[in-house]
Amino acid sequence: MTATRVERRDLRRQRRAWRRSENANRTTELGLIVLVSVIVVGAYVLASLGKTASLPVNLGPFLVVVLGLFVVGHLALRTLAPRADPVLLPIAGLLNGLGYVVIVRLNNHQAGLQAVWSLLGMVAFVGTLFVVRRVRDLDRYRYLLGFGGVGLLMLPLVPGIGEQIGGSRVWVHFGPLNFQPGEFAKVALIIFCASYLAEKGTLLAEGDRRLGPFPLPDLRALGPVGLAWGVSIVIMVAEHDLGMSLLYFFLFITLLYVATGRRRYVGGGLGLFALAAMVTYRASPVLNERVKVWLDPWKTAQGTGYQIVQAMFAFGAGGTVGTGLALGNPTRIPAVQTDFVFAAIGEEMGLVGTVAVLTAFLLLVAVGLRIAVRAENAFDKLLATGAAAVFGLQTFIIVSGVIRLLPLTGITLPFVSYGGSSLLTNYILLALLLRVSDTSARIHPVVA
């Protein structure tokens, strides 16, 4: 009886400690959300002063909406995932808020649409937390999600609904609704790869035959990975979409390496992709032109190289601290609110602003990878790795294109660029990442 009383007392103490830990996480998160709201509203005020030399008349409602939107996310986490990491949602809110301020400064109509998409993104965030109580439940839908993801990637090639914009055929339209199905395919394919590699990772790492001293993987187990490589090439060739092709391919390679720990997959995959890219470069006029612009945009400074040249001028004009919000001239860059929003930040917020934005993305990826390391289950670990990798790879690809480190691609800067499809999928991935974090904390709680 005495032992039972001691066990019950210890259990009660442990539960109280867990509740204190949960409350501390959510209190920290709420404080960060308030700080983010102050930063975003301050940037909004500065943009209005720079544009009209007066305070915005809707300052109060704007503060209420910004704070209210992310307090809703905070309350959802407090209720549905109380032990989740407290940093991810405020980081996403900061990036989303700063992106909205830049878009307001550039285009009022698109700013209104972006506000609606931000609201729907938060709805998708809360809905994902509500529906997915355990990420392992998604494992049962592995092949359904895999085939669905591939189908979404191929949807723009269907005559009548596929649409080519900016040289890339990545859009579909159903009446007045236009969206990029490749964005939603990200979620489905991350879950598929995480599920498949969690089961087959050991087999792929060990191999079932040898070529001299080198082990060879089971070709049947490697089949889906080969399919992923083929799909990425099809995207690059048929849809002229170098950005998504790079994103998906390197996502698959990253997950394959994490699941197996074998560097030969990385080397072999890079070799195959380089070979396919070389062939595609010669066969695709769109990709050929993009590489030429990347190498020397000044040759076509009044044509296809105009965007890159103007972005270079924007970074130069921004200098260290920028011209000030709404005091620059980023509107001279075509598609500045989508592909070149980073250049607009560079002009009006300078080196300080761009470093701050990149630091926020680094924190987002670092926290995501920390969640992956702490995850106990292989599927949870790979899912968290995939979500973090998508945020990091997508940021690297588009920023590298804007600053001419890589050829320009047409993907968005997560949470910052204008675009509804991107915002929705990024908030869904964020919710899945936080769900993994909450599950890991329940298995290995940190007791203060």
Protein backbone atom coordinates (compact mmCIF):
# COMPACT_ATOMS: atom_id res chain seq x y z
CA MET A 1 0.00 0.00 0.00
CA THR A 2 2.84 2.37 0.89
CA ALA A 3 4.57 1.69 -2.41
CA THR A 4 1.35 2.36 -4.28
CA ARG A 5 0.88 5.69 -2.50
CA VAL A 6 4.45 6.70 -3.36
CA GLU A 7 3.92 5.77 -7.02
CA ARG A 8 0.70 7.77 -7.16
CA ARG A 9 2.37 10.75 -5.51
CA ASP A 10 5.27 10.59 -7.98
CA LEU A 11 2.83 10.31 -10.87
CA ARG A 12 0.94 13.38 -9.66
CA ARG A 13 4.20 15.31 -9.37
CA GLN A 14 5.21 14.23 -12.85
CA ARG A 15 1.88 15.32 -14.30
CA ARG A 16 2.15 18.73 -12.59
CA ALA A 17 5.67 19.11 -13.99
CA TRP A 18 4.41 18.24 -17.49
CA ARG A 19 1.63 20.82 -17.19
CA ARG A 20 4.16 23.45 -16.08
CA SER A 21 6.31 22.56 -19.11
CA GLU A 22 3.30 22.82 -21.45
CA ASN A 23 2.27 26.17 -19.98
CA ALA A 24 5.85 27.46 -20.23
CA ASN A 25 6.02 26.50 -23.93
CA ARG A 26 2.74 28.14 -24.79
CA THR A 27 3.49 31.24 -22.70
CA THR A 28 6.80 31.63 -24.54
CA GLU A 29 4.99 31.20 -27.84
CA LEU A 30 2.37 33.82 -26.94
CA GLY A 31 5.07 36.30 -25.94
CA LEU A 32 6.88 35.75 -29.24
CA ILE A 33 3.60 36.20 -31.15
CA VAL A 34 3.02 39.55 -29.44
CA LEU A 35 6.59 40.60 -30.30
CA VAL A 36 6.11 39.51 -33.93
CA SER A 37 2.83 41.46 -34.11
CA VAL A 38 4.60 44.61 -32.88
CA ILE A 39 7.32 44.17 -35.53
CA VAL A 40 4.83 43.55 -38.35
CA VAL A 41 2.57 46.46 -37.36
CA GLY A 42 5.62 48.71 -37.01
CA ALA A 43 6.74 47.75 -40.52
CA TYR A 44 3.20 48.41 -41.78
CA VAL A 45 3.24 51.90 -40.23
CA LEU A 46 6.66 52.67 -41.76
CA ALA A 47 5.48 51.49 -45.18
CA SER A 48 2.41 53.73 -44.94
CA LEU A 49 4.48 56.72 -43.84
CA GLY A 50 6.87 56.16 -46.73
CA LYS A 51 4.03 55.85 -49.21
CA THR A 52 1.55 58.54 -48.12
CA ALA A 53 3.42 60.41 -45.33
CA SER A 54 0.54 59.63 -42.97
CA LEU A 55 -0.47 56.93 -40.52
CA PRO A 56 -2.73 54.24 -42.01
CA VAL A 57 -6.39 54.76 -41.11
CA ASN A 58 -6.88 51.02 -40.57
CA LEU A 59 -3.98 50.67 -38.11
CA GLY A 60 -6.17 49.47 -35.25
CA PRO A 61 -8.07 46.84 -37.25
CA PHE A 62 -4.81 45.70 -38.86
CA LEU A 63 -3.23 45.13 -35.43
CA VAL A 64 -6.31 43.21 -34.27
CA VAL A 65 -6.32 41.01 -37.38
CA VAL A 66 -2.57 40.25 -37.25
CA LEU A 67 -2.60 39.51 -33.54
CA GLY A 68 -5.92 37.65 -33.74
CA LEU A 69 -4.85 35.44 -36.63
CA PHE A 70 -1.82 34.05 -34.83
CA VAL A 71 -3.52 33.93 -31.45
CA VAL A 72 -5.97 31.54 -33.12
CA GLY A 73 -3.03 29.36 -34.12
CA HIS A 74 -1.64 29.66 -30.59
CA LEU A 75 -4.96 28.58 -29.04
CA ALA A 76 -5.15 25.65 -31.45
CA LEU A 77 -1.70 24.51 -30.35
CA ARG A 78 -2.57 25.02 -26.69
CA THR A 79 -5.58 22.76 -27.14
CA LEU A 80 -4.46 20.24 -29.77
CA ALA A 81 -0.65 20.08 -29.41
CA PRO A 82 0.27 21.64 -26.05
CA ARG A 83 3.81 20.24 -25.96
CA ALA A 84 4.79 21.34 -29.45
CA ASP A 85 7.79 23.59 -30.05
CA PRO A 86 7.00 27.24 -29.17
CA VAL A 87 9.22 28.90 -31.80
CA LEU A 88 7.95 27.66 -35.17
CA LEU A 89 4.58 29.45 -35.30
CA PRO A 90 6.02 32.89 -34.38
CA ILE A 91 8.76 32.51 -37.03
CA ALA A 92 6.16 31.66 -39.67
CA GLY A 93 4.07 34.61 -38.48
CA LEU A 94 7.02 36.98 -38.78
CA LEU A 95 7.79 35.85 -42.35
CA ASN A 96 4.14 35.91 -43.38
CA GLY A 97 3.62 39.35 -41.84
CA LEU A 98 6.70 40.94 -43.39
CA GLY A 99 5.78 39.43 -46.75
CA TYR A 100 2.31 40.92 -46.48
CA VAL A 101 3.73 44.37 -45.66
CA VAL A 102 5.95 44.24 -48.76
CA ILE A 103 3.01 43.12 -50.94
CA VAL A 104 0.80 45.93 -49.53
CA ARG A 105 3.48 48.37 -50.55
CA LEU A 106 3.65 46.88 -54.06
CA ASN A 107 0.05 46.04 -54.99
CA ASN A 108 -3.06 46.76 -52.90
CA HIS A 109 -5.27 44.33 -54.82
CA GLN A 110 -2.87 41.43 -54.40
CA ALA A 111 -2.41 42.41 -50.74
CA GLY A 112 -6.14 41.88 -50.22
CA LEU A 113 -5.94 38.46 -51.82
CA GLN A 114 -2.85 37.61 -49.77
CA ALA A 115 -4.76 38.50 -46.59
CA VAL A 116 -7.49 36.06 -47.58
CA TRP A 117 -4.93 33.35 -48.34
CA SER A 118 -3.24 33.98 -44.98
CA LEU A 119 -6.58 33.45 -43.27
CA LEU A 120 -7.19 30.24 -45.25
CA GLY A 121 -3.63 29.14 -44.46
CA MET A 122 -4.37 29.46 -40.73
CA VAL A 123 -7.60 27.52 -41.26
CA ALA A 124 -5.56 24.78 -42.98
CA PHE A 125 -3.06 24.90 -40.09
CA VAL A 126 -5.75 24.43 -37.43
CA GLY A 127 -7.59 21.86 -39.56
CA THR A 128 -4.44 19.77 -39.98
CA LEU A 129 -3.80 19.78 -36.24
CA PHE A 130 -7.41 18.76 -35.62
CA VAL A 131 -7.54 15.96 -38.20
CA VAL A 132 -4.02 14.54 -37.81
CA ARG A 133 -3.78 13.60 -34.14
CA ARG A 134 -0.91 11.16 -34.86
CA VAL A 135 1.28 11.54 -37.92
CA ARG A 136 1.79 7.77 -38.00
CA ASP A 137 -1.84 7.44 -39.08
CA LEU A 138 -0.79 8.94 -42.43
CA ASP A 139 1.43 5.92 -42.98
CA ARG A 140 -1.64 3.88 -43.93
CA TYR A 141 -2.27 6.11 -46.97
CA ARG A 142 1.26 5.79 -48.37
CA TYR A 143 0.52 4.69 -51.91
CA LEU A 144 -2.66 6.72 -52.22
CA LEU A 145 -0.68 9.85 -51.38
CA GLY A 146 2.21 8.77 -53.62
CA PHE A 147 0.02 8.30 -56.68
CA GLY A 148 -1.94 11.43 -55.80
CA GLY A 149 1.27 13.47 -55.59
CA VAL A 150 2.51 12.24 -58.97
CA GLY A 151 -0.93 12.91 -60.45
CA LEU A 152 -0.87 16.48 -59.15
CA LEU A 153 2.57 17.02 -60.69
CA MET A 154 1.31 15.84 -64.06
CA LEU A 155 -1.97 17.77 -63.93
CA PRO A 156 -0.61 20.90 -65.71
CA LEU A 157 0.17 18.70 -68.75
CA VAL A 158 -3.52 17.86 -69.22
CA PRO A 159 -4.89 19.77 -72.23
CA GLY A 160 -7.61 22.26 -71.45
CA ILE A 161 -6.79 22.85 -67.80
CA GLY A 162 -3.00 23.25 -67.85
CA GLU A 163 -1.70 26.76 -68.37
CA GLN A 164 1.74 28.10 -69.24
CA ILE A 165 2.78 31.29 -67.43
CA GLY A 166 6.24 32.82 -67.50
CA GLY A 167 7.61 30.03 -69.67
CA SER A 168 6.69 27.24 -67.22
CA ARG A 169 3.60 25.04 -67.49
CA VAL A 170 2.90 24.58 -63.78
CA TRP A 171 -0.56 26.13 -63.44
CA VAL A 172 -4.04 24.65 -63.80
CA HIS A 173 -7.33 26.50 -63.98
CA PHE A 174 -10.89 25.43 -63.22
CA GLY A 175 -13.10 28.33 -64.19
CA PRO A 176 -11.96 31.38 -62.17
CA LEU A 177 -9.74 29.28 -59.88
CA ASN A 178 -6.00 29.10 -60.72
CA PHE A 179 -3.47 27.23 -58.60
CA GLN A 180 -0.19 25.32 -58.73
CA PRO A 181 -0.85 21.62 -58.03
CA GLY A 182 2.88 21.03 -57.57
CA GLU A 183 2.68 22.93 -54.27
CA PHE A 184 0.11 20.49 -52.88
CA ALA A 185 2.09 17.56 -54.30
CA LYS A 186 4.90 18.52 -51.89
CA VAL A 187 2.89 17.41 -48.89
CA ALA A 188 1.74 14.14 -50.45
CA LEU A 189 5.20 13.16 -51.72
CA ILE A 190 6.94 14.01 -48.43
CA ILE A 191 4.55 11.70 -46.59
CA PHE A 192 4.97 8.97 -49.23
CA CYS A 193 8.78 9.12 -49.16
CA ALA A 194 8.89 9.20 -45.36
CA SER A 195 6.61 6.18 -45.14
CA TYR A 196 8.36 4.17 -47.85
CA LEU A 197 11.90 4.88 -46.66
CA ALA A 198 11.01 4.22 -43.03
CA GLU A 199 10.13 0.67 -44.11
CA LYS A 200 12.77 0.08 -46.80
CA GLY A 201 15.64 2.19 -45.43
CA THR A 202 17.53 -0.72 -43.87
CA LEU A 203 17.18 -2.83 -47.03
CA LEU A 204 18.44 0.03 -49.19
CA ALA A 205 21.35 0.67 -46.84
CA GLU A 206 22.58 -2.92 -46.67
CA GLY A 207 21.91 -4.18 -50.21
CA ASP A 208 21.31 -7.78 -51.22
CA ARG A 209 24.23 -8.30 -53.65
CA ARG A 210 27.75 -7.04 -54.25
CA LEU A 211 29.83 -5.81 -57.15
CA GLY A 212 33.35 -6.56 -55.93
CA PRO A 213 33.74 -4.70 -52.63
CA PHE A 214 30.67 -2.52 -53.26
CA PRO A 215 27.21 -3.53 -51.95
CA LEU A 216 24.33 -3.03 -54.37
CA PRO A 217 20.82 -2.16 -53.23
CA ASP A 218 17.76 -4.26 -53.95
CA LEU A 219 16.62 -2.92 -57.32
CA ARG A 220 12.98 -3.61 -56.48
CA ALA A 221 13.28 -1.52 -53.32
CA LEU A 222 15.05 1.21 -55.28
CA GLY A 223 12.27 1.35 -57.87
CA PRO A 224 10.16 4.11 -56.27
CA VAL A 225 13.29 6.22 -55.82
CA GLY A 226 14.06 5.77 -59.51
CA LEU A 227 10.48 6.82 -60.22
CA ALA A 228 11.06 9.99 -58.22
CA TRP A 229 14.13 10.76 -60.32
CA GLY A 230 12.14 10.15 -63.49
CA VAL A 231 9.29 12.40 -62.36
CA SER A 232 11.70 15.23 -61.56
CA ILE A 233 13.13 14.96 -65.06
CA VAL A 234 9.66 14.91 -66.63
CA ILE A 235 8.83 18.10 -64.75
CA MET A 236 11.98 19.77 -65.99
CA VAL A 237 11.48 18.71 -69.61
CA ALA A 238 7.72 18.83 -70.14
CA GLU A 239 6.79 21.69 -67.83
CA HIS A 240 10.03 23.72 -68.16
CA ASP A 241 10.03 24.02 -64.37
CA LEU A 242 13.63 23.89 -63.18
CA GLY A 243 12.74 25.14 -59.69
CA MET A 244 10.26 22.41 -58.75
CA SER A 245 12.43 19.81 -60.45
CA LEU A 246 15.41 20.79 -58.28
CA LEU A 247 13.25 20.96 -55.17
CA TYR A 248 11.69 17.51 -55.54
CA PHE A 249 14.86 15.78 -56.63
CA PHE A 250 17.00 17.12 -53.79
CA LEU A 251 14.19 16.44 -51.33
CA PHE A 252 14.18 12.77 -52.37
CA ILE A 253 17.97 12.57 -52.19
CA THR A 254 17.98 14.17 -48.74
CA LEU A 255 15.42 11.73 -47.36
CA LEU A 256 17.20 8.78 -48.99
CA TYR A 257 20.48 9.78 -47.36
CA VAL A 258 18.88 10.31 -43.94
CA ALA A 259 17.11 6.93 -44.17
CA THR A 260 20.16 4.95 -45.29
CA GLY A 261 23.23 6.97 -44.30
CA ARG A 262 24.82 5.98 -47.62
CA ARG A 263 26.68 8.70 -49.51
CA ARG A 264 26.72 6.65 -52.69
CA TYR A 265 23.04 7.50 -53.22
CA VAL A 266 23.86 11.19 -53.06
CA GLY A 267 26.75 10.87 -55.50
CA GLY A 268 24.86 8.61 -57.90
CA GLY A 269 21.76 10.77 -57.78
CA LEU A 270 23.68 13.96 -58.43
CA GLY A 271 25.43 12.31 -61.37
CA LEU A 272 22.16 11.14 -62.92
CA PHE A 273 20.52 14.52 -62.40
CA ALA A 274 23.51 16.37 -63.89
CA LEU A 275 23.39 14.09 -66.94
CA ALA A 276 19.66 14.64 -67.40
CA ALA A 277 20.04 18.40 -66.86
CA MET A 278 22.72 18.55 -69.55
CA VAL A 279 20.49 16.77 -72.06
CA THR A 280 17.51 18.92 -71.10
CA TYR A 281 19.58 22.10 -71.42
CA ARG A 282 20.25 21.26 -75.05
CA ALA A 283 16.68 20.18 -75.78
CA SER A 284 14.64 22.86 -73.96
CA PRO A 285 14.78 26.43 -75.32
CA VAL A 286 13.30 27.82 -72.07
CA LEU A 287 15.94 26.27 -69.83
CA ASN A 288 18.63 27.11 -72.35
CA GLU A 289 17.65 30.77 -72.22
CA ARG A 290 17.55 30.81 -68.42
CA VAL A 291 21.08 29.44 -68.19
CA LYS A 292 22.31 32.05 -70.68
CA VAL A 293 20.66 34.83 -68.66
CA TRP A 294 22.25 33.45 -65.51
CA LEU A 295 25.71 33.48 -67.06
CA ASP A 296 25.42 36.98 -68.54
CA PRO A 297 22.17 38.92 -67.98
CA TRP A 298 23.67 42.09 -69.47
CA LYS A 299 23.51 40.68 -73.00
CA THR A 300 19.71 40.75 -72.82
CA ALA A 301 19.30 43.54 -70.25
CA GLN A 302 16.28 44.90 -72.14
CA GLY A 303 14.80 41.44 -72.70
CA THR A 304 14.96 38.17 -70.78
CA GLY A 305 17.73 39.45 -68.52
CA TYR A 306 15.76 42.52 -67.44
CA GLN A 307 14.51 41.03 -64.14
CA ILE A 308 17.95 39.93 -63.00
CA VAL A 309 19.57 43.24 -63.94
CA GLN A 310 16.92 45.26 -62.12
CA ALA A 311 17.26 43.00 -59.07
CA MET A 312 21.00 43.69 -59.04
CA PHE A 313 20.31 47.42 -59.14
CA ALA A 314 17.79 46.98 -56.30
CA PHE A 315 20.33 45.27 -54.05
CA GLY A 316 22.88 47.96 -54.89
CA ALA A 317 20.42 50.76 -54.08
CA GLY A 318 19.50 49.11 -50.77
CA GLY A 319 23.04 49.05 -49.42
CA THR A 320 23.39 48.17 -45.75
CA VAL A 321 20.19 49.50 -44.17
CA GLY A 322 17.96 49.99 -47.23
CA THR A 323 16.15 52.96 -48.68
CA GLY A 324 13.30 52.56 -46.21
CA LEU A 325 9.93 50.85 -46.63
CA ALA A 326 8.01 52.35 -49.59
CA LEU A 327 10.95 54.67 -50.36
CA GLY A 328 12.58 52.45 -52.96
CA ASN A 329 11.46 51.55 -56.46
CA PRO A 330 11.14 47.73 -56.57
CA THR A 331 8.06 47.94 -58.80
CA ARG A 332 10.37 48.25 -61.82
CA ILE A 333 11.14 44.53 -61.39
CA PRO A 334 8.54 42.34 -63.18
CA ALA A 335 6.86 39.75 -60.91
CA VAL A 336 8.53 41.36 -57.90
CA GLN A 337 5.84 40.21 -55.44
CA THR A 338 6.31 36.55 -56.42
CA ASP A 339 9.71 35.54 -57.79
CA PHE A 340 11.65 38.66 -56.72
CA VAL A 341 10.18 39.61 -53.35
CA PHE A 342 13.64 39.03 -51.84
CA ALA A 343 15.01 41.77 -54.11
CA ALA A 344 12.31 44.16 -52.88
CA ILE A 345 13.33 43.38 -49.29
CA GLY A 346 16.97 43.93 -50.24
CA GLU A 347 16.24 47.37 -51.70
CA GLU A 348 14.00 48.76 -48.96
CA MET A 349 15.42 46.93 -45.90
CA GLY A 350 19.00 46.55 -47.12
CA LEU A 351 21.55 43.96 -46.08
CA VAL A 352 20.21 44.09 -42.52
CA GLY A 353 16.71 43.15 -43.67
CA THR A 354 17.80 40.33 -45.97
CA VAL A 355 20.07 38.85 -43.29
CA ALA A 356 17.19 39.02 -40.79
CA VAL A 357 14.87 37.19 -43.19
CA LEU A 358 17.48 34.53 -43.96
CA THR A 359 18.17 34.13 -40.24
CA ALA A 360 14.47 33.49 -39.67
CA PHE A 361 14.55 30.77 -42.32
CA LEU A 362 17.70 29.28 -40.77
CA LEU A 363 15.93 29.13 -37.40
CA LEU A 364 12.88 27.55 -39.05
CA VAL A 365 15.00 24.82 -40.64
CA ALA A 366 17.18 24.32 -37.54
CA VAL A 367 14.18 23.88 -35.24
CA GLY A 368 12.61 21.50 -37.77
CA LEU A 369 15.76 19.37 -37.88
CA ARG A 370 15.96 19.41 -34.07
CA ILE A 371 12.42 18.03 -34.01
CA ALA A 372 13.49 15.34 -36.49
CA VAL A 373 16.48 14.35 -34.32
CA ARG A 374 14.28 14.02 -31.24
CA ALA A 375 11.60 11.97 -33.00
CA GLU A 376 11.55 8.35 -31.87
CA ASN A 377 9.73 6.75 -34.80
CA ALA A 378 11.50 6.48 -38.18
CA PHE A 379 8.45 7.75 -40.07
CA ASP A 380 8.12 10.78 -37.77
CA LYS A 381 11.83 11.48 -38.13
CA LEU A 382 11.75 11.38 -41.94
CA LEU A 383 8.54 13.40 -42.14
CA ALA A 384 10.01 16.16 -39.98
CA THR A 385 13.24 16.05 -42.00
CA GLY A 386 11.29 16.36 -45.24
CA ALA A 387 9.25 19.34 -44.02
CA ALA A 388 12.35 21.16 -42.76
CA ALA A 389 14.25 20.30 -45.95
CA VAL A 390 11.47 21.73 -48.14
CA PHE A 391 11.58 25.06 -46.30
CA GLY A 392 15.37 25.18 -46.55
CA LEU A 393 15.72 23.95 -50.14
CA GLN A 394 12.96 26.18 -51.47
CA THR A 395 14.49 29.23 -49.81
CA PHE A 396 17.96 28.37 -51.10
CA ILE A 397 16.77 27.79 -54.68
CA ILE A 398 14.78 31.00 -55.08
CA VAL A 399 17.24 33.25 -53.21
CA SER A 400 20.12 31.77 -55.22
CA GLY A 401 18.23 32.56 -58.41
CA VAL A 402 17.59 36.17 -57.39
CA ILE A 403 21.25 36.82 -56.47
CA ARG A 404 22.56 34.83 -59.50
CA LEU A 405 24.11 31.96 -57.57
CA LEU A 406 21.90 29.58 -59.61
CA PRO A 407 19.75 30.01 -62.73
CA LEU A 408 16.48 31.75 -61.92
CA THR A 409 13.52 29.50 -61.08
CA GLY A 410 9.87 30.32 -60.62
CA ILE A 411 9.24 29.01 -57.11
CA THR A 412 8.10 31.10 -54.16
CA LEU A 413 9.90 32.22 -51.02
CA PRO A 414 8.00 30.30 -48.28
CA PHE A 415 5.48 32.40 -46.30
CA VAL A 416 6.82 35.64 -47.89
CA SER A 417 5.99 35.60 -51.61
CA TYR A 418 2.52 36.29 -52.95
CA GLY A 419 0.66 33.07 -53.71
CA GLY A 420 -2.22 31.12 -52.20
CA SER A 421 -1.11 27.59 -53.11
CA SER A 422 2.26 28.13 -51.46
CA LEU A 423 0.81 29.62 -48.26
CA LEU A 424 -1.69 26.80 -47.80
CA THR A 425 0.86 24.02 -48.25
CA ASN A 426 3.46 25.73 -46.07
CA TYR A 427 0.99 26.04 -43.18
CA ILE A 428 0.02 22.38 -43.58
CA LEU A 429 3.68 21.35 -43.44
CA LEU A 430 4.18 23.59 -40.40
CA ALA A 431 1.25 21.89 -38.65
CA LEU A 432 2.67 18.42 -39.39
CA LEU A 433 6.06 19.49 -38.07
CA LEU A 434 4.47 20.75 -34.84
CA ARG A 435 2.46 17.54 -34.53
CA VAL A 436 5.70 15.52 -34.68
CA SER A 437 7.17 17.84 -32.04
CA ASP A 438 4.19 17.33 -29.73
CA THR A 439 4.29 13.53 -30.17
CA SER A 440 8.01 13.39 -29.39
CA ALA A 441 7.53 15.52 -26.28
CA ARG A 442 4.84 13.15 -25.03
CA ILE A 443 7.16 10.15 -25.46
CA HIS A 444 10.23 11.88 -23.96
CA PRO A 445 8.91 14.80 -21.92
CA VAL A 446 11.29 17.36 -20.52
CA VAL A 447 10.40 17.52 -16.87
CA ALA A 448 11.51 20.63 -14.98
